[in-house]
Amino acid sequence: MRSLVSAEAAVALTFFRRAVYFISLSQTVSLSAFLGEMKGPRFRQTLLVPSTMKVLKENKPKTEKPSRKDSPPRNDAGKTAVTDASPDNPPHSVSLKRHFLGAGENEAWVDVGSLPEDLKIPSFERLWELHPKDLGEIVLYGKRIQTPRWVASYGRTYFFSGVKHDAFPLEDPFLKKLCAFASDHAGCDMNGVLVNWYQDGSHYIGWHSDDESSMVSGSPIYSFTFAEAGGRRDFVVRDKKKKEKVRTFELENNGLLIMGGSRFQSLFQHSVPKRAPSKCPGRRINVTIRAFKT
């Protein structure tokens, strides 16, 4: 309270000194000019005493920030986000545009944007060399078939399309960096990484919805794209019941797409359609990050 009184006294003293100064010039300054000057921006600026602002800030009640584990996923991922800075975790910022998909505002949305310099892939070839020797597998109509792309899971074992994908340790520095960013941005522990490697336009992923049974309820899915020239692909969303296409998003190199909303996977399907290799000759790496239950 004393600090507030002192701050108000400082403002009053500043007002008095300015008034005395202008009164001392009364022989050359008219009363109307004096009053105009008192209302002007120069005088108002003198009243914005930094100490006053500091006192008000210091007296603002502090609220305790809940821990990440106790916090539900944030639904504000469509805004610019900045991570906590430290020597091992430098600040990252990314600006995203949110697209609602016709359902309720928080039921289904897609955020799209470009990655900042400090999150762009440092070496495409190094990450490309991590792909498995054999193509992935899924179960379709009771038969195991190869997927038209390479697939590997890191950090958490992921069961989808009838196949259990045992996880490799999450040791790659770049994948760990993306995972840390996604965790901070989403406000929950994004602990599972799935990587898909596409040779060219002949590699693709068909219509599907992600199995959310093993994931944290309401958590978003982060999808990072890293592509060579000629490797741009489309991410297409369609209505699950009507089978009608809703939106198409271009997947550019060093791009980020986030699927979110409480009912995205139950209302919609998504795919990366096949393209003629002559029109899409470039390679593409897709890194998706999810929050699995612990």
C-alpha atoms as a PDB file:
ATOM      1  CA  MET A   1       0.000   0.000   0.000  1.00  0.00           C
ATOM      2  CA  ARG A   2       2.845   2.387   0.856  1.00  0.00           C
ATOM      3  CA  SER A   3       4.352   1.697  -2.560  1.00  0.00           C
ATOM      4  CA  LEU A   4       1.097   2.691  -4.257  1.00  0.00           C
ATOM      5  CA  VAL A   5       0.892   5.910  -2.214  1.00  0.00           C
ATOM      6  CA  SER A   6       4.507   6.731  -3.083  1.00  0.00           C
ATOM      7  CA  ALA A   7       3.794   6.141  -6.751  1.00  0.00           C
ATOM      8  CA  GLU A   8       0.734   8.427  -6.643  1.00  0.00           C
ATOM      9  CA  ALA A   9       2.814  11.074  -4.846  1.00  0.00           C
ATOM     10  CA  ALA A  10       5.441  10.843  -7.589  1.00  0.00           C
ATOM     11  CA  VAL A  11       2.772  11.458 -10.221  1.00  0.00           C
ATOM     12  CA  ALA A  12       1.401  14.448  -8.270  1.00  0.00           C
ATOM     13  CA  LEU A  13       4.904  15.895  -7.850  1.00  0.00           C
ATOM     14  CA  THR A  14       5.555  15.537 -11.571  1.00  0.00           C
ATOM     15  CA  PHE A  15       2.242  17.326 -12.302  1.00  0.00           C
ATOM     16  CA  PHE A  16       3.174  20.169  -9.903  1.00  0.00           C
ATOM     17  CA  ARG A  17       6.668  20.650 -11.368  1.00  0.00           C
ATOM     18  CA  ARG A  18       5.311  20.813 -14.908  1.00  0.00           C
ATOM     19  CA  ALA A  19       2.663  23.311 -13.846  1.00  0.00           C
ATOM     20  CA  VAL A  20       5.261  25.553 -12.180  1.00  0.00           C
ATOM     21  CA  TYR A  21       7.402  25.359 -15.296  1.00  0.00           C
ATOM     22  CA  PHE A  22       4.630  26.539 -17.579  1.00  0.00           C
ATOM     23  CA  ILE A  23       3.479  29.233 -15.127  1.00  0.00           C
ATOM     24  CA  SER A  24       7.031  30.598 -15.154  1.00  0.00           C
ATOM     25  CA  LEU A  25       6.584  31.096 -18.891  1.00  0.00           C
ATOM     26  CA  SER A  26       3.272  32.926 -18.448  1.00  0.00           C
ATOM     27  CA  GLN A  27       4.717  36.150 -19.923  1.00  0.00           C
ATOM     28  CA  THR A  28       5.107  34.494 -23.314  1.00  0.00           C
ATOM     29  CA  VAL A  29       2.534  31.690 -23.143  1.00  0.00           C
ATOM     30  CA  SER A  30      -1.209  32.336 -23.069  1.00  0.00           C
ATOM     31  CA  LEU A  31      -3.532  30.561 -20.668  1.00  0.00           C
ATOM     32  CA  SER A  32      -5.175  28.642 -23.508  1.00  0.00           C
ATOM     33  CA  ALA A  33      -1.769  27.457 -24.749  1.00  0.00           C
ATOM     34  CA  PHE A  34      -0.840  26.435 -21.229  1.00  0.00           C
ATOM     35  CA  LEU A  35      -4.023  24.372 -20.830  1.00  0.00           C
ATOM     36  CA  GLY A  36      -3.504  22.839 -24.259  1.00  0.00           C
ATOM     37  CA  GLU A  37       0.013  21.824 -23.340  1.00  0.00           C
ATOM     38  CA  MET A  38      -1.254  20.243 -20.118  1.00  0.00           C
ATOM     39  CA  LYS A  39      -3.559  18.024 -22.226  1.00  0.00           C
ATOM     40  CA  GLY A  40      -0.917  17.246 -24.832  1.00  0.00           C
ATOM     41  CA  PRO A  41       0.932  13.978 -25.339  1.00  0.00           C
ATOM     42  CA  ARG A  42       4.243  15.311 -23.972  1.00  0.00           C
ATOM     43  CA  PHE A  43       2.683  16.069 -20.588  1.00  0.00           C
ATOM     44  CA  ARG A  44       0.635  12.866 -20.476  1.00  0.00           C
ATOM     45  CA  GLN A  45       3.802  10.913 -21.140  1.00  0.00           C
ATOM     46  CA  THR A  46       5.391  12.332 -17.999  1.00  0.00           C
ATOM     47  CA  LEU A  47       2.594  10.787 -15.952  1.00  0.00           C
ATOM     48  CA  LEU A  48       3.432   7.278 -17.128  1.00  0.00           C
ATOM     49  CA  VAL A  49       5.922   6.741 -14.348  1.00  0.00           C
ATOM     50  CA  PRO A  50       7.654   3.344 -14.665  1.00  0.00           C
ATOM     51  CA  SER A  51       7.704   2.866 -10.906  1.00  0.00           C
ATOM     52  CA  THR A  52       3.902   3.092 -10.856  1.00  0.00           C
ATOM     53  CA  MET A  53       3.567   0.324 -13.429  1.00  0.00           C
ATOM     54  CA  LYS A  54       6.111  -1.759 -11.538  1.00  0.00           C
ATOM     55  CA  VAL A  55       4.200  -1.380  -8.278  1.00  0.00           C
ATOM     56  CA  LEU A  56       0.927  -2.387  -9.887  1.00  0.00           C
ATOM     57  CA  LYS A  57       2.608  -5.427 -11.419  1.00  0.00           C
ATOM     58  CA  GLU A  58       4.220  -6.421  -8.125  1.00  0.00           C
ATOM     59  CA  ASN A  59       0.894  -6.159  -6.295  1.00  0.00           C
ATOM     60  CA  LYS A  60      -0.912  -8.353  -8.847  1.00  0.00           C
ATOM     61  CA  PRO A  61      -1.866 -11.640  -7.146  1.00  0.00           C
ATOM     62  CA  LYS A  62       0.196 -14.577  -8.351  1.00  0.00           C
ATOM     63  CA  THR A  63      -1.432 -17.822  -9.439  1.00  0.00           C
ATOM     64  CA  GLU A  64       0.359 -21.123  -9.198  1.00  0.00           C
ATOM     65  CA  LYS A  65       0.907 -22.772 -12.584  1.00  0.00           C
ATOM     66  CA  PRO A  66      -0.202 -26.431 -12.650  1.00  0.00           C
ATOM     67  CA  SER A  67       2.286 -29.065 -13.690  1.00  0.00           C
ATOM     68  CA  ARG A  68       2.158 -30.456 -17.233  1.00  0.00           C
ATOM     69  CA  LYS A  69       1.107 -33.916 -16.051  1.00  0.00           C
ATOM     70  CA  ASP A  70      -1.947 -32.512 -14.256  1.00  0.00           C
ATOM     71  CA  SER A  71      -2.974 -30.207 -17.095  1.00  0.00           C
ATOM     72  CA  PRO A  72      -5.349 -31.219 -19.906  1.00  0.00           C
ATOM     73  CA  PRO A  73      -4.143 -30.538 -23.469  1.00  0.00           C
ATOM     74  CA  ARG A  74      -4.476 -26.876 -24.401  1.00  0.00           C
ATOM     75  CA  ASN A  75      -6.927 -25.956 -27.145  1.00  0.00           C
ATOM     76  CA  ASP A  76      -5.054 -22.807 -28.193  1.00  0.00           C
ATOM     77  CA  ALA A  77      -2.471 -24.414 -30.427  1.00  0.00           C
ATOM     78  CA  GLY A  78      -3.538 -22.230 -33.332  1.00  0.00           C
ATOM     79  CA  LYS A  79      -1.744 -19.243 -31.834  1.00  0.00           C
ATOM     80  CA  THR A  80       1.914 -18.332 -31.740  1.00  0.00           C
ATOM     81  CA  ALA A  81       3.670 -20.397 -29.084  1.00  0.00           C
ATOM     82  CA  VAL A  82       7.041 -19.973 -27.416  1.00  0.00           C
ATOM     83  CA  THR A  83       8.697 -22.730 -25.406  1.00  0.00           C
ATOM     84  CA  ASP A  84      10.542 -22.292 -22.128  1.00  0.00           C
ATOM     85  CA  ALA A  85      14.117 -21.275 -22.860  1.00  0.00           C
ATOM     86  CA  SER A  86      17.164 -22.976 -21.404  1.00  0.00           C
ATOM     87  CA  PRO A  87      20.626 -23.944 -22.704  1.00  0.00           C
ATOM     88  CA  ASP A  88      19.301 -27.390 -23.663  1.00  0.00           C
ATOM     89  CA  ASN A  89      15.885 -26.139 -24.767  1.00  0.00           C
ATOM     90  CA  PRO A  90      16.244 -22.944 -26.826  1.00  0.00           C
ATOM     91  CA  PRO A  91      13.136 -20.869 -27.551  1.00  0.00           C
ATOM     92  CA  HIS A  92      11.054 -21.798 -30.586  1.00  0.00           C
ATOM     93  CA  SER A  93       8.100 -19.880 -31.980  1.00  0.00           C
ATOM     94  CA  VAL A  94       5.683 -20.942 -34.682  1.00  0.00           C
ATOM     95  CA  SER A  95       2.670 -19.137 -36.094  1.00  0.00           C
ATOM     96  CA  LEU A  96      -0.224 -21.347 -37.166  1.00  0.00           C
ATOM     97  CA  LYS A  97      -3.523 -20.741 -38.923  1.00  0.00           C
ATOM     98  CA  ARG A  98      -6.520 -22.665 -37.608  1.00  0.00           C
ATOM     99  CA  HIS A  99      -9.130 -24.193 -39.925  1.00  0.00           C
ATOM    100  CA  PHE A 100     -12.373 -25.462 -38.418  1.00  0.00           C
ATOM    101  CA  LEU A 101     -13.920 -28.425 -40.208  1.00  0.00           C
ATOM    102  CA  GLY A 102     -17.608 -27.624 -39.968  1.00  0.00           C
ATOM    103  CA  ALA A 103     -18.271 -29.368 -36.662  1.00  0.00           C
ATOM    104  CA  GLY A 104     -18.480 -27.525 -33.356  1.00  0.00           C
ATOM    105  CA  GLU A 105     -15.653 -25.054 -32.773  1.00  0.00           C
ATOM    106  CA  ASN A 106     -13.712 -27.384 -30.483  1.00  0.00           C
ATOM    107  CA  GLU A 107     -14.748 -30.671 -32.107  1.00  0.00           C
ATOM    108  CA  ALA A 108     -12.452 -30.758 -35.137  1.00  0.00           C
ATOM    109  CA  TRP A 109      -9.809 -28.403 -36.474  1.00  0.00           C
ATOM    110  CA  VAL A 110      -6.519 -28.359 -38.366  1.00  0.00           C
ATOM    111  CA  ASP A 111      -3.651 -25.945 -37.685  1.00  0.00           C
ATOM    112  CA  VAL A 112      -1.184 -25.314 -40.512  1.00  0.00           C
ATOM    113  CA  GLY A 113       2.060 -23.336 -40.549  1.00  0.00           C
ATOM    114  CA  SER A 114       5.767 -23.262 -41.341  1.00  0.00           C
ATOM    115  CA  LEU A 115       8.508 -24.153 -38.887  1.00  0.00           C
ATOM    116  CA  PRO A 116      10.960 -21.484 -37.672  1.00  0.00           C
ATOM    117  CA  GLU A 117      14.634 -21.810 -38.548  1.00  0.00           C
ATOM    118  CA  ASP A 118      15.579 -23.507 -35.282  1.00  0.00           C
ATOM    119  CA  LEU A 119      13.088 -26.345 -35.873  1.00  0.00           C
ATOM    120  CA  LYS A 120      13.861 -27.020 -39.525  1.00  0.00           C
ATOM    121  CA  ILE A 121      15.529 -30.309 -40.374  1.00  0.00           C
ATOM    122  CA  PRO A 122      19.343 -30.009 -40.126  1.00  0.00           C
ATOM    123  CA  SER A 123      20.077 -32.950 -42.440  1.00  0.00           C
ATOM    124  CA  PHE A 124      17.460 -34.623 -44.621  1.00  0.00           C
ATOM    125  CA  GLU A 125      19.842 -37.434 -45.586  1.00  0.00           C
ATOM    126  CA  ARG A 126      20.678 -38.342 -41.990  1.00  0.00           C
ATOM    127  CA  LEU A 127      16.996 -38.721 -41.069  1.00  0.00           C
ATOM    128  CA  TRP A 128      16.280 -40.533 -44.342  1.00  0.00           C
ATOM    129  CA  GLU A 129      18.932 -43.138 -43.538  1.00  0.00           C
ATOM    130  CA  LEU A 130      16.983 -44.143 -40.426  1.00  0.00           C
ATOM    131  CA  HIS A 131      14.230 -45.800 -42.450  1.00  0.00           C
ATOM    132  CA  PRO A 132      13.910 -49.590 -42.020  1.00  0.00           C
ATOM    133  CA  LYS A 133      15.164 -51.981 -44.664  1.00  0.00           C
ATOM    134  CA  ASP A 134      11.704 -53.427 -45.295  1.00  0.00           C
ATOM    135  CA  LEU A 135       8.433 -51.629 -45.985  1.00  0.00           C
ATOM    136  CA  GLY A 136       5.860 -51.526 -43.221  1.00  0.00           C
ATOM    137  CA  GLU A 137       2.999 -53.986 -42.832  1.00  0.00           C
ATOM    138  CA  ILE A 138      -0.712 -53.760 -42.049  1.00  0.00           C
ATOM    139  CA  VAL A 139      -3.500 -56.310 -41.792  1.00  0.00           C
ATOM    140  CA  LEU A 140      -6.243 -55.912 -44.408  1.00  0.00           C
ATOM    141  CA  TYR A 141      -9.156 -58.341 -44.559  1.00  0.00           C
ATOM    142  CA  GLY A 142      -7.206 -60.742 -42.387  1.00  0.00           C
ATOM    143  CA  LYS A 143      -4.076 -60.701 -44.552  1.00  0.00           C
ATOM    144  CA  ARG A 144      -0.760 -59.031 -43.852  1.00  0.00           C
ATOM    145  CA  ILE A 145       0.232 -56.743 -46.708  1.00  0.00           C
ATOM    146  CA  GLN A 146       3.072 -54.290 -47.218  1.00  0.00           C
ATOM    147  CA  THR A 147       2.453 -50.579 -46.844  1.00  0.00           C
ATOM    148  CA  PRO A 148       3.543 -48.308 -49.707  1.00  0.00           C
ATOM    149  CA  ARG A 149       6.040 -46.536 -47.406  1.00  0.00           C
ATOM    150  CA  TRP A 150       8.544 -47.280 -44.634  1.00  0.00           C
ATOM    151  CA  VAL A 151       7.311 -46.966 -41.049  1.00  0.00           C
ATOM    152  CA  ALA A 152       9.004 -46.915 -37.639  1.00  0.00           C
ATOM    153  CA  SER A 153       7.853 -46.072 -34.122  1.00  0.00           C
ATOM    154  CA  TYR A 154      10.002 -44.394 -31.454  1.00  0.00           C
ATOM    155  CA  GLY A 155       9.441 -43.955 -27.738  1.00  0.00           C
ATOM    156  CA  ARG A 156       6.108 -45.772 -27.485  1.00  0.00           C
ATOM    157  CA  THR A 157       4.899 -48.987 -29.113  1.00  0.00           C
ATOM    158  CA  TYR A 158       1.979 -48.184 -31.418  1.00  0.00           C
ATOM    159  CA  PHE A 159      -0.714 -50.664 -32.461  1.00  0.00           C
ATOM    160  CA  PHE A 160      -2.613 -49.716 -35.623  1.00  0.00           C
ATOM    161  CA  SER A 161      -4.093 -51.383 -38.719  1.00  0.00           C
ATOM    162  CA  GLY A 162      -3.912 -54.741 -36.991  1.00  0.00           C
ATOM    163  CA  VAL A 163      -0.146 -54.642 -36.481  1.00  0.00           C
ATOM    164  CA  LYS A 164       1.917 -53.940 -33.367  1.00  0.00           C
ATOM    165  CA  HIS A 165       4.791 -51.573 -34.128  1.00  0.00           C
ATOM    166  CA  ASP A 166       7.394 -52.104 -31.430  1.00  0.00           C
ATOM    167  CA  ALA A 167       9.130 -48.861 -30.584  1.00  0.00           C
ATOM    168  CA  PHE A 168      12.798 -48.076 -30.961  1.00  0.00           C
ATOM    169  CA  PRO A 169      14.396 -45.929 -28.230  1.00  0.00           C
ATOM    170  CA  LEU A 170      13.853 -42.221 -28.828  1.00  0.00           C
ATOM    171  CA  GLU A 171      17.523 -41.250 -29.095  1.00  0.00           C
ATOM    172  CA  ASP A 172      17.800 -39.178 -32.267  1.00  0.00           C
ATOM    173  CA  PRO A 173      18.496 -35.542 -31.212  1.00  0.00           C
ATOM    174  CA  PHE A 174      16.274 -34.002 -33.890  1.00  0.00           C
ATOM    175  CA  LEU A 175      13.295 -36.260 -33.155  1.00  0.00           C
ATOM    176  CA  LYS A 176      13.729 -35.538 -29.440  1.00  0.00           C
ATOM    177  CA  LYS A 177      13.754 -31.813 -30.202  1.00  0.00           C
ATOM    178  CA  LEU A 178      10.490 -32.056 -32.166  1.00  0.00           C
ATOM    179  CA  CYS A 179       8.955 -34.119 -29.371  1.00  0.00           C
ATOM    180  CA  ALA A 180       9.952 -31.542 -26.744  1.00  0.00           C
ATOM    181  CA  PHE A 181       8.485 -28.736 -28.843  1.00  0.00           C
ATOM    182  CA  ALA A 182       5.189 -30.598 -29.340  1.00  0.00           C
ATOM    183  CA  SER A 183       4.950 -31.326 -25.600  1.00  0.00           C
ATOM    184  CA  ASP A 184       5.442 -27.682 -24.687  1.00  0.00           C
ATOM    185  CA  HIS A 185       3.116 -26.420 -27.407  1.00  0.00           C
ATOM    186  CA  ALA A 186       0.305 -28.858 -26.564  1.00  0.00           C
ATOM    187  CA  GLY A 187       0.733 -28.589 -22.812  1.00  0.00           C
ATOM    188  CA  CYS A 188       0.855 -32.362 -22.321  1.00  0.00           C
ATOM    189  CA  ASP A 189       3.437 -35.134 -22.560  1.00  0.00           C
ATOM    190  CA  MET A 190       3.785 -35.937 -26.281  1.00  0.00           C
ATOM    191  CA  ASN A 191       5.706 -39.172 -25.878  1.00  0.00           C
ATOM    192  CA  GLY A 192       5.247 -41.255 -29.048  1.00  0.00           C
ATOM    193  CA  VAL A 193       6.888 -40.632 -32.430  1.00  0.00           C
ATOM    194  CA  LEU A 194       5.869 -42.356 -35.665  1.00  0.00           C
ATOM    195  CA  VAL A 195       7.940 -41.736 -38.792  1.00  0.00           C
ATOM    196  CA  ASN A 196       6.825 -42.474 -42.375  1.00  0.00           C
ATOM    197  CA  TRP A 197       9.307 -42.331 -45.259  1.00  0.00           C
ATOM    198  CA  TYR A 198       7.900 -41.737 -48.770  1.00  0.00           C
ATOM    199  CA  GLN A 199      10.157 -42.520 -51.735  1.00  0.00           C
ATOM    200  CA  ASP A 200       8.115 -40.496 -54.242  1.00  0.00           C
ATOM    201  CA  GLY A 201       4.503 -40.003 -55.359  1.00  0.00           C
ATOM    202  CA  SER A 202       3.976 -43.767 -55.592  1.00  0.00           C
ATOM    203  CA  HIS A 203       4.254 -44.014 -51.803  1.00  0.00           C
ATOM    204  CA  TYR A 204       1.106 -42.951 -50.003  1.00  0.00           C
ATOM    205  CA  ILE A 205      -1.256 -43.569 -47.069  1.00  0.00           C
ATOM    206  CA  GLY A 206      -4.928 -44.381 -47.655  1.00  0.00           C
ATOM    207  CA  TRP A 207      -8.080 -43.178 -45.934  1.00  0.00           C
ATOM    208  CA  HIS A 208      -8.050 -43.820 -42.198  1.00  0.00           C
ATOM    209  CA  SER A 209      -8.797 -42.419 -38.753  1.00  0.00           C
ATOM    210  CA  ASP A 210      -6.227 -42.723 -35.995  1.00  0.00           C
ATOM    211  CA  ASP A 211      -6.897 -45.229 -33.221  1.00  0.00           C
ATOM    212  CA  GLU A 212      -7.259 -43.092 -30.094  1.00  0.00           C
ATOM    213  CA  SER A 213      -7.823 -45.924 -27.601  1.00  0.00           C
ATOM    214  CA  SER A 214      -4.234 -45.787 -26.340  1.00  0.00           C
ATOM    215  CA  MET A 215      -3.872 -42.004 -26.546  1.00  0.00           C
ATOM    216  CA  VAL A 216      -4.625 -39.245 -24.039  1.00  0.00           C
ATOM    217  CA  SER A 217      -8.219 -38.125 -24.543  1.00  0.00           C
ATOM    218  CA  GLY A 218      -8.490 -34.863 -26.473  1.00  0.00           C
ATOM    219  CA  SER A 219      -4.777 -34.641 -27.235  1.00  0.00           C
ATOM    220  CA  PRO A 220      -3.762 -33.253 -30.660  1.00  0.00           C
ATOM    221  CA  ILE A 221      -1.583 -35.035 -33.218  1.00  0.00           C
ATOM    222  CA  TYR A 222       1.450 -33.154 -34.550  1.00  0.00           C
ATOM    223  CA  SER A 223       2.556 -33.871 -38.124  1.00  0.00           C
ATOM    224  CA  PHE A 224       5.898 -32.486 -39.374  1.00  0.00           C
ATOM    225  CA  THR A 225       6.806 -32.607 -43.073  1.00  0.00           C
ATOM    226  CA  PHE A 226      10.353 -32.628 -44.463  1.00  0.00           C
ATOM    227  CA  ALA A 227      10.612 -32.977 -48.232  1.00  0.00           C
ATOM    228  CA  GLU A 228      12.969 -32.610 -51.151  1.00  0.00           C
ATOM    229  CA  ALA A 229      12.173 -30.432 -54.145  1.00  0.00           C
ATOM    230  CA  GLY A 230       9.332 -32.171 -55.946  1.00  0.00           C
ATOM    231  CA  GLY A 231       8.202 -33.899 -52.767  1.00  0.00           C
ATOM    232  CA  ARG A 232       5.188 -31.717 -51.930  1.00  0.00           C
ATOM    233  CA  ARG A 233       2.095 -33.768 -51.071  1.00  0.00           C
ATOM    234  CA  ASP A 234      -1.562 -33.182 -50.208  1.00  0.00           C
ATOM    235  CA  PHE A 235      -3.232 -33.924 -46.876  1.00  0.00           C
ATOM    236  CA  VAL A 236      -6.914 -34.577 -47.609  1.00  0.00           C
ATOM    237  CA  VAL A 237      -9.724 -34.709 -45.046  1.00  0.00           C
ATOM    238  CA  ARG A 238     -13.138 -36.230 -45.725  1.00  0.00           C
ATOM    239  CA  ASP A 239     -16.372 -36.779 -43.825  1.00  0.00           C
ATOM    240  CA  LYS A 240     -16.321 -40.245 -42.297  1.00  0.00           C
ATOM    241  CA  LYS A 241     -19.997 -41.040 -42.978  1.00  0.00           C
ATOM    242  CA  LYS A 242     -20.654 -39.220 -46.241  1.00  0.00           C
ATOM    243  CA  LYS A 243     -17.215 -40.027 -47.714  1.00  0.00           C
ATOM    244  CA  GLU A 244     -17.120 -36.469 -49.081  1.00  0.00           C
ATOM    245  CA  LYS A 245     -13.883 -34.463 -49.166  1.00  0.00           C
ATOM    246  CA  VAL A 246     -13.926 -31.535 -46.768  1.00  0.00           C
ATOM    247  CA  ARG A 247     -10.524 -29.870 -47.065  1.00  0.00           C
ATOM    248  CA  THR A 248      -7.157 -30.316 -48.762  1.00  0.00           C
ATOM    249  CA  PHE A 249      -3.959 -28.946 -47.226  1.00  0.00           C
ATOM    250  CA  GLU A 250      -0.596 -28.729 -48.988  1.00  0.00           C
ATOM    251  CA  LEU A 251       2.268 -30.369 -47.110  1.00  0.00           C
ATOM    252  CA  GLU A 252       5.330 -28.230 -47.745  1.00  0.00           C
ATOM    253  CA  ASN A 253       8.917 -28.810 -46.670  1.00  0.00           C
ATOM    254  CA  ASN A 254       9.562 -27.804 -43.039  1.00  0.00           C
ATOM    255  CA  GLY A 255       5.840 -27.531 -42.444  1.00  0.00           C
ATOM    256  CA  LEU A 256       3.673 -28.339 -39.436  1.00  0.00           C
ATOM    257  CA  LEU A 257       0.084 -29.601 -39.445  1.00  0.00           C
ATOM    258  CA  ILE A 258      -1.839 -30.335 -36.255  1.00  0.00           C
ATOM    259  CA  MET A 259      -5.040 -32.365 -36.041  1.00  0.00           C
ATOM    260  CA  GLY A 260      -7.099 -31.418 -33.010  1.00  0.00           C
ATOM    261  CA  GLY A 261     -10.515 -31.347 -31.435  1.00  0.00           C
ATOM    262  CA  SER A 262     -12.490 -33.729 -29.270  1.00  0.00           C
ATOM    263  CA  ARG A 263     -14.097 -35.545 -32.240  1.00  0.00           C
ATOM    264  CA  PHE A 264     -11.701 -35.187 -35.163  1.00  0.00           C
ATOM    265  CA  GLN A 265     -10.967 -38.907 -35.540  1.00  0.00           C
ATOM    266  CA  SER A 266     -14.592 -39.965 -35.000  1.00  0.00           C
ATOM    267  CA  LEU A 267     -15.988 -37.497 -37.553  1.00  0.00           C
ATOM    268  CA  PHE A 268     -13.294 -37.461 -40.240  1.00  0.00           C
ATOM    269  CA  GLN A 269     -10.766 -39.556 -42.119  1.00  0.00           C
ATOM    270  CA  HIS A 270      -7.545 -38.339 -43.694  1.00  0.00           C
ATOM    271  CA  SER A 271      -5.067 -39.516 -46.303  1.00  0.00           C
ATOM    272  CA  VAL A 272      -1.992 -38.598 -48.341  1.00  0.00           C
ATOM    273  CA  PRO A 273      -3.064 -39.707 -51.849  1.00  0.00           C
ATOM    274  CA  LYS A 274      -0.838 -41.337 -54.425  1.00  0.00           C
ATOM    275  CA  ARG A 275       0.645 -39.143 -57.162  1.00  0.00           C
ATOM    276  CA  ALA A 276       2.423 -39.972 -60.392  1.00  0.00           C
ATOM    277  CA  PRO A 277       6.186 -40.227 -59.697  1.00  0.00           C
ATOM    278  CA  SER A 278       6.781 -38.049 -62.757  1.00  0.00           C
ATOM    279  CA  LYS A 279       4.829 -35.254 -61.060  1.00  0.00           C
ATOM    280  CA  CYS A 280       6.120 -35.990 -57.568  1.00  0.00           C
ATOM    281  CA  PRO A 281       9.677 -37.360 -57.816  1.00  0.00           C
ATOM    282  CA  GLY A 282      10.949 -36.031 -54.485  1.00  0.00           C
ATOM    283  CA  ARG A 283      11.313 -37.922 -51.219  1.00  0.00           C
ATOM    284  CA  ARG A 284       9.333 -36.972 -48.135  1.00  0.00           C
ATOM    285  CA  ILE A 285       9.667 -37.720 -44.422  1.00  0.00           C
ATOM    286  CA  ASN A 286       6.643 -37.371 -42.160  1.00  0.00           C
ATOM    287  CA  VAL A 287       7.095 -37.252 -38.376  1.00  0.00           C
ATOM    288  CA  THR A 288       3.908 -37.577 -36.324  1.00  0.00           C
ATOM    289  CA  ILE A 289       3.920 -37.124 -32.554  1.00  0.00           C
ATOM    290  CA  ARG A 290       1.198 -38.305 -30.180  1.00  0.00           C
ATOM    291  CA  ALA A 291       0.403 -38.325 -26.463  1.00  0.00           C
ATOM    292  CA  PHE A 292       0.045 -41.912 -25.274  1.00  0.00           C
ATOM    293  CA  LYS A 293      -1.413 -42.899 -21.931  1.00  0.00           C
ATOM    294  CA  THR A 294       1.146 -43.809 -19.286  1.00  0.00           C
END
